């Protein structure tokens, strides 16, 4: 079962993204860099490794959200010093988020 942590500071959010990239997590997709507001108003990433998936969303109002297994969230929380709480999210509770974003997402094979 996946859990969601919310309200993650922007600098911590991007540190997590960088950490995943540097530690052989595969980037499955991201909010397309061609979008004028990438990293300004909104951002989105999905990483996978050994059958595990981490989905990350960020916006300039609610900051970062991370959806992953409880164990993975606990590890990330300890490594990056953020609290595990879910006070509702702007994005990651949406079960059809990826489908609705359509062409705004760049997929990698």
PDB file of N, CA and C in Angstrom:
ATOM      1  N   UNK A   1       0.842  -1.183   0.000  1.00  0.00           N
ATOM      2  CA  UNK A   1       0.000   0.000   0.000  1.00  0.00           C
ATOM      3  C   UNK A   1       0.888   1.247   0.000  1.00  0.00           C
ATOM      4  N   UNK A   2       0.528   2.213  -0.814  1.00  0.00           N
ATOM      5  CA  UNK A   2       1.280   3.452  -0.880  1.00  0.00           C
ATOM      6  C   UNK A   2       0.711   4.488   0.079  1.00  0.00           C
ATOM      7  N   UNK A   3       1.598   5.325   0.563  1.00  0.00           N
ATOM      8  CA  UNK A   3       1.245   6.417   1.453  1.00  0.00           C
ATOM      9  C   UNK A   3       1.738   7.710   0.820  1.00  0.00           C
ATOM     10  N   UNK A   4       1.201   8.831   1.292  1.00  0.00           N
ATOM     11  CA  UNK A   4       1.570  10.125   0.734  1.00  0.00           C
ATOM     12  C   UNK A   4       2.030  11.043   1.857  1.00  0.00           C
ATOM     13  N   UNK A   5       3.188  11.639   1.685  1.00  0.00           N
ATOM     14  CA  UNK A   5       3.672  12.688   2.577  1.00  0.00           C
ATOM     15  C   UNK A   5       3.509  14.008   1.837  1.00  0.00           C
ATOM     16  N   UNK A   6       3.076  15.033   2.542  1.00  0.00           N
ATOM     17  CA  UNK A   6       2.801  16.328   1.909  1.00  0.00           C
ATOM     18  C   UNK A   6       3.530  17.452   2.633  1.00  0.00           C
ATOM     19  N   UNK A   7       3.488  18.624   2.032  1.00  0.00           N
ATOM     20  CA  UNK A   7       4.060  19.807   2.657  1.00  0.00           C
ATOM     21  C   UNK A   7       5.577  19.754   2.760  1.00  0.00           C
ATOM     22  N   UNK A   8       6.213  19.064   1.831  1.00  0.00           N
ATOM     23  CA  UNK A   8       7.670  18.921   1.860  1.00  0.00           C
ATOM     24  C   UNK A   8       8.303  20.167   1.243  1.00  0.00           C
ATOM     25  N   UNK A   9       9.200  20.777   1.976  1.00  0.00           N
ATOM     26  CA  UNK A   9       9.878  21.988   1.536  1.00  0.00           C
ATOM     27  C   UNK A   9      10.473  21.796   0.135  1.00  0.00           C
ATOM     28  N   UNK A  10      10.419  22.843  -0.655  1.00  0.00           N
ATOM     29  CA  UNK A  10      10.890  22.789  -2.046  1.00  0.00           C
ATOM     30  C   UNK A  10      12.332  22.298  -2.157  1.00  0.00           C
ATOM     31  N   UNK A  11      13.221  22.816  -1.336  1.00  0.00           N
ATOM     32  CA  UNK A  11      14.630  22.407  -1.432  1.00  0.00           C
ATOM     33  C   UNK A  11      14.798  20.933  -1.082  1.00  0.00           C
ATOM     34  N   UNK A  12      14.040  20.442  -0.124  1.00  0.00           N
ATOM     35  CA  UNK A  12      14.086  19.012   0.225  1.00  0.00           C
ATOM     36  C   UNK A  12      13.514  18.187  -0.918  1.00  0.00           C
ATOM     37  N   UNK A  13      12.411  18.637  -1.491  1.00  0.00           N
ATOM     38  CA  UNK A  13      11.784  17.934  -2.613  1.00  0.00           C
ATOM     39  C   UNK A  13      12.793  17.711  -3.737  1.00  0.00           C
ATOM     40  N   UNK A  14      13.471  18.767  -4.141  1.00  0.00           N
ATOM     41  CA  UNK A  14      14.424  18.633  -5.247  1.00  0.00           C
ATOM     42  C   UNK A  14      15.687  17.872  -4.843  1.00  0.00           C
ATOM     43  N   UNK A  15      16.017  17.880  -3.565  1.00  0.00           N
ATOM     44  CA  UNK A  15      17.119  17.034  -3.085  1.00  0.00           C
ATOM     45  C   UNK A  15      16.759  15.562  -3.205  1.00  0.00           C
ATOM     46  N   UNK A  16      15.506  15.232  -2.949  1.00  0.00           N
ATOM     47  CA  UNK A  16      15.044  13.848  -3.104  1.00  0.00           C
ATOM     48  C   UNK A  16      15.114  13.434  -4.569  1.00  0.00           C
ATOM     49  N   UNK A  17      14.655  14.292  -5.463  1.00  0.00           N
ATOM     50  CA  UNK A  17      14.718  14.006  -6.904  1.00  0.00           C
ATOM     51  C   UNK A  17      16.166  13.748  -7.315  1.00  0.00           C
ATOM     52  N   UNK A  18      17.067  14.600  -6.897  1.00  0.00           N
ATOM     53  CA  UNK A  18      18.486  14.448  -7.239  1.00  0.00           C
ATOM     54  C   UNK A  18      19.054  13.153  -6.662  1.00  0.00           C
ATOM     55  N   UNK A  19      18.700  12.839  -5.428  1.00  0.00           N
ATOM     56  CA  UNK A  19      19.146  11.610  -4.779  1.00  0.00           C
ATOM     57  C   UNK A  19      18.695  10.379  -5.571  1.00  0.00           C
ATOM     58  N   UNK A  20      17.439  10.358  -5.975  1.00  0.00           N
ATOM     59  CA  UNK A  20      16.923   9.223  -6.739  1.00  0.00           C
ATOM     60  C   UNK A  20      17.668   9.078  -8.062  1.00  0.00           C
ATOM     61  N   UNK A  21      17.910  10.188  -8.732  1.00  0.00           N
ATOM     62  CA  UNK A  21      18.639  10.158 -10.003  1.00  0.00           C
ATOM     63  C   UNK A  21      20.054   9.615  -9.815  1.00  0.00           C
ATOM     64  N   UNK A  22      20.691   9.968  -8.727  1.00  0.00           N
ATOM     65  CA  UNK A  22      22.078   9.567  -8.481  1.00  0.00           C
ATOM     66  C   UNK A  22      22.204   8.149  -7.928  1.00  0.00           C
ATOM     67  N   UNK A  23      21.085   7.551  -7.515  1.00  0.00           N
ATOM     68  CA  UNK A  23      21.127   6.235  -6.893  1.00  0.00           C
ATOM     69  C   UNK A  23      20.390   5.177  -7.701  1.00  0.00           C
ATOM     70  N   UNK A  24      20.515   5.318  -9.006  1.00  0.00           N
ATOM     71  CA  UNK A  24      20.061   4.308  -9.964  1.00  0.00           C
ATOM     72  C   UNK A  24      18.561   4.029  -9.936  1.00  0.00           C
ATOM     73  N   UNK A  25      17.774   5.011  -9.529  1.00  0.00           N
ATOM     74  CA  UNK A  25      16.339   4.925  -9.713  1.00  0.00           C
ATOM     75  C   UNK A  25      16.064   5.350 -11.154  1.00  0.00           C
ATOM     76  N   UNK A  26      15.225   4.617 -11.825  1.00  0.00           N
ATOM     77  CA  UNK A  26      14.897   4.912 -13.222  1.00  0.00           C
ATOM     78  C   UNK A  26      13.803   5.968 -13.286  1.00  0.00           C
ATOM     79  N   UNK A  27      14.048   7.018 -14.055  1.00  0.00           N
ATOM     80  CA  UNK A  27      13.026   8.034 -14.276  1.00  0.00           C
ATOM     81  C   UNK A  27      12.063   7.508 -15.324  1.00  0.00           C
ATOM     82  N   UNK A  28      10.815   7.254 -14.916  1.00  0.00           N
ATOM     83  CA  UNK A  28       9.800   6.726 -15.825  1.00  0.00           C
ATOM     84  C   UNK A  28       9.152   7.846 -16.635  1.00  0.00           C
ATOM     85  N   UNK A  29       8.858   8.944 -15.948  1.00  0.00           N
ATOM     86  CA  UNK A  29       8.291  10.107 -16.625  1.00  0.00           C
ATOM     87  C   UNK A  29       8.462  11.334 -15.749  1.00  0.00           C
ATOM     88  N   UNK A  30       8.289  12.484 -16.395  1.00  0.00           N
ATOM     89  CA  UNK A  30       8.330  13.757 -15.680  1.00  0.00           C
ATOM     90  C   UNK A  30       7.445  14.759 -16.415  1.00  0.00           C
ATOM     91  N   UNK A  31       7.090  15.796 -15.703  1.00  0.00           N
ATOM     92  CA  UNK A  31       6.398  16.918 -16.319  1.00  0.00           C
ATOM     93  C   UNK A  31       7.344  17.458 -17.377  1.00  0.00           C
ATOM     94  N   UNK A  32       6.871  17.572 -18.588  1.00  0.00           N
ATOM     95  CA  UNK A  32       7.715  17.886 -19.738  1.00  0.00           C
ATOM     96  C   UNK A  32       8.442  19.213 -19.553  1.00  0.00           C
ATOM     97  N   UNK A  33       9.748  19.183 -19.783  1.00  0.00           N
ATOM     98  CA  UNK A  33      10.558  20.395 -19.643  1.00  0.00           C
ATOM     99  C   UNK A  33      10.191  21.466 -20.667  1.00  0.00           C
ATOM    100  N   UNK A  34       9.424  21.115 -21.679  1.00  0.00           N
ATOM    101  CA  UNK A  34       8.958  22.103 -22.656  1.00  0.00           C
ATOM    102  C   UNK A  34       7.833  22.980 -22.102  1.00  0.00           C
ATOM    103  N   UNK A  35       7.253  22.559 -20.994  1.00  0.00           N
ATOM    104  CA  UNK A  35       6.176  23.341 -20.386  1.00  0.00           C
ATOM    105  C   UNK A  35       6.777  24.572 -19.718  1.00  0.00           C
ATOM    106  N   UNK A  36       6.221  25.731 -19.998  1.00  0.00           N
ATOM    107  CA  UNK A  36       6.770  26.995 -19.522  1.00  0.00           C
ATOM    108  C   UNK A  36       6.829  27.090 -17.997  1.00  0.00           C
ATOM    109  N   UNK A  37       5.976  26.345 -17.302  1.00  0.00           N
ATOM    110  CA  UNK A  37       5.908  26.480 -15.844  1.00  0.00           C
ATOM    111  C   UNK A  37       6.603  25.355 -15.081  1.00  0.00           C
ATOM    112  N   UNK A  38       7.353  24.485 -15.789  1.00  0.00           N
ATOM    113  CA  UNK A  38       8.037  23.388 -15.112  1.00  0.00           C
ATOM    114  C   UNK A  38       9.000  23.951 -14.072  1.00  0.00           C
ATOM    115  N   UNK A  39       8.836  23.530 -12.840  1.00  0.00           N
ATOM    116  CA  UNK A  39       9.696  23.969 -11.754  1.00  0.00           C
ATOM    117  C   UNK A  39       9.410  25.377 -11.263  1.00  0.00           C
ATOM    118  N   UNK A  40       8.468  26.039 -11.894  1.00  0.00           N
ATOM    119  CA  UNK A  40       8.075  27.382 -11.467  1.00  0.00           C
ATOM    120  C   UNK A  40       6.730  27.311 -10.745  1.00  0.00           C
ATOM    121  N   UNK A  41       5.740  26.717 -11.416  1.00  0.00           N
ATOM    122  CA  UNK A  41       4.414  26.538 -10.829  1.00  0.00           C
ATOM    123  C   UNK A  41       4.127  25.078 -10.484  1.00  0.00           C
ATOM    124  N   UNK A  42       4.722  24.149 -11.233  1.00  0.00           N
ATOM    125  CA  UNK A  42       4.382  22.735 -11.071  1.00  0.00           C
ATOM    126  C   UNK A  42       5.544  21.864 -11.529  1.00  0.00           C
ATOM    127  N   UNK A  43       5.624  20.660 -10.946  1.00  0.00           N
ATOM    128  CA  UNK A  43       6.582  19.653 -11.382  1.00  0.00           C
ATOM    129  C   UNK A  43       6.071  18.278 -10.973  1.00  0.00           C
ATOM    130  N   UNK A  44       6.498  17.257 -11.696  1.00  0.00           N
ATOM    131  CA  UNK A  44       6.023  15.895 -11.457  1.00  0.00           C
ATOM    132  C   UNK A  44       7.078  14.915 -11.941  1.00  0.00           C
ATOM    133  N   UNK A  45       7.312  13.861 -11.154  1.00  0.00           N
ATOM    134  CA  UNK A  45       8.277  12.817 -11.509  1.00  0.00           C
ATOM    135  C   UNK A  45       7.751  11.470 -11.040  1.00  0.00           C
ATOM    136  N   UNK A  46       8.118  10.435 -11.782  1.00  0.00           N
ATOM    137  CA  UNK A  46       7.927   9.073 -11.289  1.00  0.00           C
ATOM    138  C   UNK A  46       9.227   8.312 -11.513  1.00  0.00           C
ATOM    139  N   UNK A  47       9.710   7.689 -10.438  1.00  0.00           N
ATOM    140  CA  UNK A  47      10.905   6.866 -10.471  1.00  0.00           C
ATOM    141  C   UNK A  47      10.530   5.442 -10.106  1.00  0.00           C
ATOM    142  N   UNK A  48      11.302   4.478 -10.614  1.00  0.00           N
ATOM    143  CA  UNK A  48      11.082   3.077 -10.232  1.00  0.00           C
ATOM    144  C   UNK A  48      12.415   2.366 -10.087  1.00  0.00           C
ATOM    145  N   UNK A  49      12.389   1.323  -9.256  1.00  0.00           N
ATOM    146  CA  UNK A  49      13.577   0.505  -9.025  1.00  0.00           C
ATOM    147  C   UNK A  49      13.127  -0.784  -8.356  1.00  0.00           C
ATOM    148  N   UNK A  50      13.526  -1.905  -8.940  1.00  0.00           N
ATOM    149  CA  UNK A  50      13.218  -3.218  -8.372  1.00  0.00           C
ATOM    150  C   UNK A  50      11.727  -3.392  -8.054  1.00  0.00           C
ATOM    151  N   UNK A  51      10.877  -2.918  -8.954  1.00  0.00           N
ATOM    152  CA  UNK A  51       9.433  -3.079  -8.790  1.00  0.00           C
ATOM    153  C   UNK A  51       8.779  -2.055  -7.869  1.00  0.00           C
ATOM    154  N   UNK A  52       9.553  -1.168  -7.301  1.00  0.00           N
ATOM    155  CA  UNK A  52       9.028  -0.136  -6.405  1.00  0.00           C
ATOM    156  C   UNK A  52       8.870   1.165  -7.182  1.00  0.00           C
ATOM    157  N   UNK A  53       7.831   1.913  -6.873  1.00  0.00           N
ATOM    158  CA  UNK A  53       7.549   3.179  -7.552  1.00  0.00           C
ATOM    159  C   UNK A  53       7.474   4.305  -6.537  1.00  0.00           C
ATOM    160  N   UNK A  54       8.086   5.436  -6.904  1.00  0.00           N
ATOM    161  CA  UNK A  54       7.987   6.665  -6.117  1.00  0.00           C
ATOM    162  C   UNK A  54       7.447   7.746  -7.053  1.00  0.00           C
ATOM    163  N   UNK A  55       6.347   8.352  -6.660  1.00  0.00           N
ATOM    164  CA  UNK A  55       5.722   9.426  -7.434  1.00  0.00           C
ATOM    165  C   UNK A  55       5.872  10.715  -6.637  1.00  0.00           C
ATOM    166  N   UNK A  56       6.331  11.762  -7.299  1.00  0.00           N
ATOM    167  CA  UNK A  56       6.574  13.040  -6.643  1.00  0.00           C
ATOM    168  C   UNK A  56       5.889  14.157  -7.412  1.00  0.00           C
ATOM    169  N   UNK A  57       5.208  15.022  -6.701  1.00  0.00           N
ATOM    170  CA  UNK A  57       4.588  16.198  -7.318  1.00  0.00           C
ATOM    171  C   UNK A  57       4.951  17.418  -6.486  1.00  0.00           C
ATOM    172  N   UNK A  58       5.046  18.553  -7.159  1.00  0.00           N
ATOM    173  CA  UNK A  58       5.373  19.809  -6.483  1.00  0.00           C
ATOM    174  C   UNK A  58       4.606  20.936  -7.145  1.00  0.00           C
ATOM    175  N   UNK A  59       4.158  21.879  -6.337  1.00  0.00           N
ATOM    176  CA  UNK A  59       3.673  23.139  -6.892  1.00  0.00           C
ATOM    177  C   UNK A  59       4.051  24.265  -5.948  1.00  0.00           C
ATOM    178  N   UNK A  60       3.963  25.476  -6.436  1.00  0.00           N
ATOM    179  CA  UNK A  60       4.463  26.609  -5.674  1.00  0.00           C
ATOM    180  C   UNK A  60       3.568  27.009  -4.504  1.00  0.00           C
ATOM    181  N   UNK A  61       2.393  26.454  -4.394  1.00  0.00           N
ATOM    182  CA  UNK A  61       1.517  26.754  -3.259  1.00  0.00           C
ATOM    183  C   UNK A  61       1.620  25.713  -2.151  1.00  0.00           C
ATOM    184  N   UNK A  62       1.583  24.435  -2.521  1.00  0.00           N
ATOM    185  CA  UNK A  62       1.541  23.351  -1.534  1.00  0.00           C
ATOM    186  C   UNK A  62       2.893  22.681  -1.320  1.00  0.00           C
ATOM    187  N   UNK A  63       3.870  23.037  -2.127  1.00  0.00           N
ATOM    188  CA  UNK A  63       5.217  22.464  -2.120  1.00  0.00           C
ATOM    189  C   UNK A  63       5.156  20.980  -2.466  1.00  0.00           C
ATOM    190  N   UNK A  64       6.038  20.165  -1.891  1.00  0.00           N
ATOM    191  CA  UNK A  64       6.213  18.804  -2.370  1.00  0.00           C
ATOM    192  C   UNK A  64       5.294  17.763  -1.762  1.00  0.00           C
ATOM    193  N   UNK A  65       5.006  16.753  -2.582  1.00  0.00           N
ATOM    194  CA  UNK A  65       4.253  15.571  -2.167  1.00  0.00           C
ATOM    195  C   UNK A  65       5.028  14.361  -2.664  1.00  0.00           C
ATOM    196  N   UNK A  66       5.101  13.324  -1.847  1.00  0.00           N
ATOM    197  CA  UNK A  66       5.774  12.093  -2.250  1.00  0.00           C
ATOM    198  C   UNK A  66       4.850  10.924  -1.922  1.00  0.00           C
ATOM    199  N   UNK A  67       4.638  10.074  -2.923  1.00  0.00           N
ATOM    200  CA  UNK A  67       3.813   8.880  -2.756  1.00  0.00           C
ATOM    201  C   UNK A  67       4.710   7.666  -2.942  1.00  0.00           C
ATOM    202  N   UNK A  68       4.756   6.809  -1.920  1.00  0.00           N
ATOM    203  CA  UNK A  68       5.619   5.631  -1.945  1.00  0.00           C
ATOM    204  C   UNK A  68       5.163   4.663  -0.857  1.00  0.00           C
ATOM    205  N   UNK A  69       5.871   3.562  -0.743  1.00  0.00           N
ATOM    206  CA  UNK A  69       5.570   2.625   0.339  1.00  0.00           C
ATOM    207  C   UNK A  69       5.881   3.301   1.671  1.00  0.00           C
ATOM    208  N   UNK A  70       5.249   2.827   2.707  1.00  0.00           N
ATOM    209  CA  UNK A  70       5.483   3.398   4.038  1.00  0.00           C
ATOM    210  C   UNK A  70       6.970   3.300   4.405  1.00  0.00           C
ATOM    211  N   UNK A  71       7.563   2.152   4.141  1.00  0.00           N
ATOM    212  CA  UNK A  71       8.976   1.948   4.465  1.00  0.00           C
ATOM    213  C   UNK A  71       9.845   2.964   3.731  1.00  0.00           C
ATOM    214  N   UNK A  72       9.599   3.164   2.447  1.00  0.00           N
ATOM    215  CA  UNK A  72      10.400   4.105   1.660  1.00  0.00           C
ATOM    216  C   UNK A  72      10.210   5.524   2.172  1.00  0.00           C
ATOM    217  N   UNK A  73       8.970   5.907   2.492  1.00  0.00           N
ATOM    218  CA  UNK A  73       8.733   7.248   3.019  1.00  0.00           C
ATOM    219  C   UNK A  73       9.447   7.456   4.344  1.00  0.00           C
ATOM    220  N   UNK A  74       9.454   6.440   5.197  1.00  0.00           N
ATOM    221  CA  UNK A  74      10.160   6.549   6.476  1.00  0.00           C
ATOM    222  C   UNK A  74      11.661   6.739   6.248  1.00  0.00           C
ATOM    223  N   UNK A  75      12.225   6.008   5.271  1.00  0.00           N
ATOM    224  CA  UNK A  75      13.642   6.155   4.958  1.00  0.00           C
ATOM    225  C   UNK A  75      13.947   7.548   4.417  1.00  0.00           C
ATOM    226  N   UNK A  76      13.130   8.023   3.488  1.00  0.00           N
ATOM    227  CA  UNK A  76      13.341   9.359   2.927  1.00  0.00           C
ATOM    228  C   UNK A  76      13.182  10.431   3.997  1.00  0.00           C
ATOM    229  N   UNK A  77      12.205  10.262   4.868  1.00  0.00           N
ATOM    230  CA  UNK A  77      11.976  11.212   5.948  1.00  0.00           C
ATOM    231  C   UNK A  77      13.186  11.298   6.867  1.00  0.00           C
ATOM    232  N   UNK A  78      13.761  10.165   7.193  1.00  0.00           N
ATOM    233  CA  UNK A  78      14.949  10.146   8.057  1.00  0.00           C
ATOM    234  C   UNK A  78      16.155  10.758   7.342  1.00  0.00           C
ATOM    235  N   UNK A  79      16.328  10.433   6.066  1.00  0.00           N
ATOM    236  CA  UNK A  79      17.480  10.927   5.306  1.00  0.00           C
ATOM    237  C   UNK A  79      17.406  12.427   5.015  1.00  0.00           C
ATOM    238  N   UNK A  80      16.190  12.923   4.788  1.00  0.00           N
ATOM    239  CA  UNK A  80      16.042  14.313   4.353  1.00  0.00           C
ATOM    240  C   UNK A  80      15.357  15.206   5.389  1.00  0.00           C
ATOM    241  N   UNK A  81      15.097  14.639   6.555  1.00  0.00           N
ATOM    242  CA  UNK A  81      14.580  15.414   7.680  1.00  0.00           C
ATOM    243  C   UNK A  81      13.282  16.166   7.364  1.00  0.00           C
ATOM    244  N   UNK A  82      12.262  15.419   6.959  1.00  0.00           N
ATOM    245  CA  UNK A  82      10.932  16.006   6.821  1.00  0.00           C
ATOM    246  C   UNK A  82       9.934  15.142   7.578  1.00  0.00           C
ATOM    247  N   UNK A  83       8.854  15.759   7.980  1.00  0.00           N
ATOM    248  CA  UNK A  83       7.839  15.054   8.760  1.00  0.00           C
ATOM    249  C   UNK A  83       6.909  14.284   7.832  1.00  0.00           C
ATOM    250  N   UNK A  84       6.490  13.125   8.325  1.00  0.00           N
ATOM    251  CA  UNK A  84       5.546  12.303   7.572  1.00  0.00           C
ATOM    252  C   UNK A  84       4.132  12.675   7.998  1.00  0.00           C
ATOM    253  N   UNK A  85       3.514  13.502   7.216  1.00  0.00           N
ATOM    254  CA  UNK A  85       2.106  13.798   7.458  1.00  0.00           C
ATOM    255  C   UNK A  85       1.418  14.005   6.127  1.00  0.00           C
ATOM    256  N   UNK A  86       0.147  13.742   6.150  1.00  0.00           N
ATOM    257  CA  UNK A  86      -0.671  13.879   4.956  1.00  0.00           C
ATOM    258  C   UNK A  86      -1.854  14.751   5.332  1.00  0.00           C
ATOM    259  N   UNK A  87      -1.755  16.016   4.983  1.00  0.00           N
ATOM    260  CA  UNK A  87      -2.865  16.916   5.273  1.00  0.00           C
ATOM    261  C   UNK A  87      -3.690  17.172   4.023  1.00  0.00           C
ATOM    262  N   UNK A  88      -3.746  16.147   3.186  1.00  0.00           N
ATOM    263  CA  UNK A  88      -4.438  16.281   1.921  1.00  0.00           C
ATOM    264  C   UNK A  88      -3.470  16.800   0.882  1.00  0.00           C
ATOM    265  N   UNK A  89      -3.688  16.438  -0.342  1.00  0.00           N
ATOM    266  CA  UNK A  89      -2.767  16.840  -1.388  1.00  0.00           C
ATOM    267  C   UNK A  89      -3.509  17.513  -2.520  1.00  0.00           C
ATOM    268  N   UNK A  90      -2.771  18.235  -3.272  1.00  0.00           N
ATOM    269  CA  UNK A  90      -3.339  18.867  -4.452  1.00  0.00           C
ATOM    270  C   UNK A  90      -3.371  17.892  -5.623  1.00  0.00           C
ATOM    271  N   UNK A  91      -2.476  16.903  -5.605  1.00  0.00           N
ATOM    272  CA  UNK A  91      -2.297  16.082  -6.803  1.00  0.00           C
ATOM    273  C   UNK A  91      -2.302  14.572  -6.570  1.00  0.00           C
ATOM    274  N   UNK A  92      -1.508  14.074  -5.655  1.00  0.00           N
ATOM    275  CA  UNK A  92      -1.232  12.645  -5.612  1.00  0.00           C
ATOM    276  C   UNK A  92      -2.379  11.775  -5.111  1.00  0.00           C
ATOM    277  N   UNK A  93      -3.427  12.357  -4.571  1.00  0.00           N
ATOM    278  CA  UNK A  93      -4.610  11.560  -4.239  1.00  0.00           C
ATOM    279  C   UNK A  93      -5.474  11.290  -5.472  1.00  0.00           C
ATOM    280  N   UNK A  94      -5.218  11.995  -6.553  1.00  0.00           N
ATOM    281  CA  UNK A  94      -6.002  11.818  -7.780  1.00  0.00           C
ATOM    282  C   UNK A  94      -5.585  10.514  -8.465  1.00  0.00           C
ATOM    283  N   UNK A  95      -6.490   9.568  -8.548  1.00  0.00           N
ATOM    284  CA  UNK A  95      -6.157   8.276  -9.145  1.00  0.00           C
ATOM    285  C   UNK A  95      -5.945   8.369 -10.650  1.00  0.00           C
ATOM    286  N   UNK A  96      -6.475   9.394 -11.286  1.00  0.00           N
ATOM    287  CA  UNK A  96      -6.341   9.547 -12.732  1.00  0.00           C
ATOM    288  C   UNK A  96      -5.423  10.715 -13.117  1.00  0.00           C
ATOM    289  N   UNK A  97      -4.546  11.095 -12.218  1.00  0.00           N
ATOM    290  CA  UNK A  97      -3.666  12.237 -12.457  1.00  0.00           C
ATOM    291  C   UNK A  97      -2.850  12.080 -13.733  1.00  0.00           C
ATOM    292  N   UNK A  98      -2.196  10.940 -13.900  1.00  0.00           N
ATOM    293  CA  UNK A  98      -1.324  10.731 -15.055  1.00  0.00           C
ATOM    294  C   UNK A  98      -2.132  10.759 -16.356  1.00  0.00           C
ATOM    295  N   UNK A  99      -3.271  10.102 -16.365  1.00  0.00           N
ATOM    296  CA  UNK A  99      -4.128  10.106 -17.557  1.00  0.00           C
ATOM    297  C   UNK A  99      -4.591  11.519 -17.895  1.00  0.00           C
ATOM    298  N   UNK A 100      -4.958  12.277 -16.889  1.00  0.00           N
ATOM    299  CA  UNK A 100      -5.455  13.635 -17.124  1.00  0.00           C
ATOM    300  C   UNK A 100      -4.366  14.589 -17.612  1.00  0.00           C
ATOM    301  N   UNK A 101      -3.134  14.323 -17.257  1.00  0.00           N
ATOM    302  CA  UNK A 101      -2.042  15.206 -17.665  1.00  0.00           C
ATOM    303  C   UNK A 101      -1.649  14.968 -19.121  1.00  0.00           C
ATOM    304  N   UNK A 102      -1.914  13.772 -19.634  1.00  0.00           N
ATOM    305  CA  UNK A 102      -1.713  13.473 -21.046  1.00  0.00           C
ATOM    306  C   UNK A 102      -0.400  13.942 -21.626  1.00  0.00           C
ATOM    307  N   UNK A 103      -0.472  14.840 -22.599  1.00  0.00           N
ATOM    308  CA  UNK A 103       0.701  15.285 -23.343  1.00  0.00           C
ATOM    309  C   UNK A 103       1.605  16.228 -22.555  1.00  0.00           C
ATOM    310  N   UNK A 104       1.241  16.548 -21.343  1.00  0.00           N
ATOM    311  CA  UNK A 104       2.077  17.410 -20.512  1.00  0.00           C
ATOM    312  C   UNK A 104       3.213  16.616 -19.848  1.00  0.00           C
ATOM    313  N   UNK A 105       3.168  15.299 -20.013  1.00  0.00           N
ATOM    314  CA  UNK A 105       4.146  14.408 -19.399  1.00  0.00           C
ATOM    315  C   UNK A 105       5.075  13.841 -20.475  1.00  0.00           C
ATOM    316  N   UNK A 106       6.357  13.806 -20.146  1.00  0.00           N
ATOM    317  CA  UNK A 106       7.342  13.199 -21.017  1.00  0.00           C
ATOM    318  C   UNK A 106       7.696  11.820 -20.445  1.00  0.00           C
ATOM    319  N   UNK A 107       7.416  10.771 -21.233  1.00  0.00           N
ATOM    320  CA  UNK A 107       7.673   9.393 -20.799  1.00  0.00           C
ATOM    321  C   UNK A 107       9.011   8.930 -21.338  1.00  0.00           C
ATOM    322  N   UNK A 108       9.690   8.118 -20.543  1.00  0.00           N
ATOM    323  CA  UNK A 108      10.970   7.520 -20.938  1.00  0.00           C
ATOM    324  C   UNK A 108      10.778   6.014 -21.037  1.00  0.00           C
ATOM    325  N   UNK A 109      11.484   5.387 -21.951  1.00  0.00           N
ATOM    326  CA  UNK A 109      11.332   3.933 -22.100  1.00  0.00           C
ATOM    327  C   UNK A 109      12.435   3.195 -21.382  1.00  0.00           C
TER     328      UNK A 109
END
